[in-house]
Amino acid sequence: MQTQIQLTGGDETAEFAALWQWLTSERALAGTVKVVRRPAAEDELGGALDTLVLALSSAGAVAALSRALTTWLATRRADVTITVKASGEVKLDARRVKDQDIAPLLRQVLRAPDES
């Protein structure tokens, strides 16, 4: 399953780099995380790095991503929002979502389309 993660808020460049580093350091996610660059606008020299794409091939990888994102959001001091897209879409706000609420939301959006 392909999963996309986008981030907004705070110092977006620093937060994006921190999230990328956090996810790539997770053993269960090793080799599944790549950065996608959006096309450059007319007034830009190059496209921004704005999306992380993960190729999740097992329930263990989905669970690892859910745990990693829950923990990462809990460590944020800035008002950061991540959008996770897979079989659905969910936006998670580091300041407004309680830890116990994050995991069920992520499991729901990361569920394979044939799992109901």
Protein backbone atom coordinates (compact mmCIF):
# COMPACT_ATOMS: atom_id res chain seq x y z
CA MET A 1 0.00 0.00 0.00
CA GLN A 2 1.32 3.44 -0.90
CA THR A 3 0.97 6.03 1.84
CA GLN A 4 1.59 9.75 1.42
CA ILE A 5 2.38 12.12 4.26
CA GLN A 6 2.36 15.91 3.94
CA LEU A 7 3.17 18.43 6.65
CA THR A 8 2.10 22.02 7.30
CA GLY A 9 2.80 24.50 10.09
CA GLY A 10 5.79 25.54 12.13
CA ASP A 11 9.11 25.75 10.30
CA GLU A 12 7.96 23.42 7.53
CA THR A 13 11.43 22.69 6.17
CA ALA A 14 12.83 21.76 9.58
CA GLU A 15 9.72 19.81 10.57
CA PHE A 16 9.71 17.93 7.25
CA ALA A 17 13.36 17.01 7.72
CA ALA A 18 12.69 15.93 11.31
CA LEU A 19 9.78 13.72 10.26
CA TRP A 20 11.79 12.17 7.42
CA GLN A 21 14.66 11.44 9.78
CA TRP A 22 12.28 10.02 12.40
CA LEU A 23 10.61 7.66 9.94
CA THR A 24 13.82 6.51 8.27
CA SER A 25 15.28 5.63 11.67
CA GLU A 26 12.45 3.17 12.33
CA ARG A 27 13.79 -0.31 11.62
CA ALA A 28 10.42 -1.64 10.45
CA LEU A 29 10.16 1.19 7.91
CA ALA A 30 13.72 0.88 6.57
CA GLY A 31 13.80 1.27 2.81
CA THR A 32 10.13 2.23 2.52
CA VAL A 33 10.39 6.03 2.87
CA LYS A 34 11.15 8.33 -0.04
CA VAL A 35 10.78 12.07 -0.57
CA VAL A 36 8.76 13.41 -3.47
CA ARG A 37 9.47 16.87 -4.82
CA ARG A 38 6.54 18.88 -6.15
CA PRO A 39 7.03 20.63 -9.47
CA ALA A 40 8.54 24.11 -9.27
CA ALA A 41 6.28 27.11 -9.65
CA GLU A 42 7.17 29.75 -12.24
CA ASP A 43 8.83 31.97 -9.62
CA GLU A 44 10.82 29.18 -7.94
CA LEU A 45 14.23 27.76 -8.79
CA GLY A 46 13.27 24.25 -7.82
CA GLY A 47 10.36 22.28 -6.44
CA ALA A 48 9.81 21.99 -2.72
CA LEU A 49 10.17 18.75 -0.84
CA ASP A 50 6.65 18.37 0.41
CA THR A 51 5.57 14.74 0.44
CA LEU A 52 6.90 11.59 2.04
CA VAL A 53 5.81 8.41 0.30
CA LEU A 54 5.97 5.05 2.02
CA ALA A 55 5.46 1.66 0.43
CA LEU A 56 3.95 -0.42 3.22
CA SER A 57 3.83 -4.11 2.44
CA SER A 58 2.83 -5.66 5.76
CA ALA A 59 0.59 -5.13 8.76
CA GLY A 60 3.77 -4.79 10.82
CA ALA A 61 4.92 -1.83 8.72
CA VAL A 62 1.49 -0.19 9.06
CA ALA A 63 1.64 -0.64 12.84
CA ALA A 64 5.20 0.73 12.91
CA LEU A 65 4.13 3.82 10.95
CA SER A 66 1.19 4.38 13.28
CA ARG A 67 3.44 4.17 16.35
CA ALA A 68 6.12 6.35 14.78
CA LEU A 69 3.69 9.11 13.79
CA THR A 70 1.98 9.02 17.20
CA THR A 71 5.31 9.41 18.99
CA TRP A 72 6.62 12.03 16.58
CA LEU A 73 3.52 14.20 16.95
CA ALA A 74 3.79 13.96 20.73
CA THR A 75 7.31 15.44 20.54
CA ARG A 76 6.29 18.50 18.51
CA ARG A 77 6.33 21.92 20.12
CA ALA A 78 5.21 23.83 17.03
CA ASP A 79 1.67 23.85 15.70
CA VAL A 80 2.23 21.16 13.08
CA THR A 81 -0.38 19.27 11.08
CA ILE A 82 0.31 16.14 9.06
CA THR A 83 -1.97 14.75 6.40
CA VAL A 84 -1.82 10.99 5.87
CA LYS A 85 -3.32 9.58 2.66
CA ALA A 86 -3.69 5.91 1.86
CA SER A 87 -7.06 4.19 1.47
CA GLY A 88 -8.51 7.37 2.98
CA GLU A 89 -7.21 10.64 4.37
CA VAL A 90 -6.78 12.02 7.88
CA LYS A 91 -5.29 15.26 9.19
CA LEU A 92 -3.54 15.10 12.55
CA ASP A 93 -2.77 18.26 14.48
CA ALA A 94 0.05 17.97 17.02
CA ARG A 95 -1.64 20.46 19.36
CA ARG A 96 -5.22 19.26 19.14
CA VAL A 97 -5.18 15.47 18.88
CA LYS A 98 -4.74 13.40 22.00
CA ASP A 99 -2.28 10.50 21.81
CA GLN A 100 -5.01 7.93 22.43
CA ASP A 101 -6.98 9.34 19.46
CA ILE A 102 -4.16 9.18 16.91
CA ALA A 103 -3.64 5.42 16.62
CA PRO A 104 -7.29 4.56 15.77
CA LEU A 105 -7.43 7.35 13.16
CA LEU A 106 -4.22 6.13 11.54
CA ARG A 107 -5.32 2.50 11.59
CA GLN A 108 -8.54 3.54 9.85
CA VAL A 109 -6.83 5.47 7.03
CA LEU A 110 -4.01 2.93 6.68
CA ARG A 111 -6.37 -0.01 6.42
CA ALA A 112 -6.14 -1.76 3.09
CA PRO A 113 -9.22 -1.16 0.90
CA ASP A 114 -10.27 -4.84 1.15
CA GLU A 115 -10.16 -4.74 4.98
CA SER A 116 -13.51 -3.63 6.36
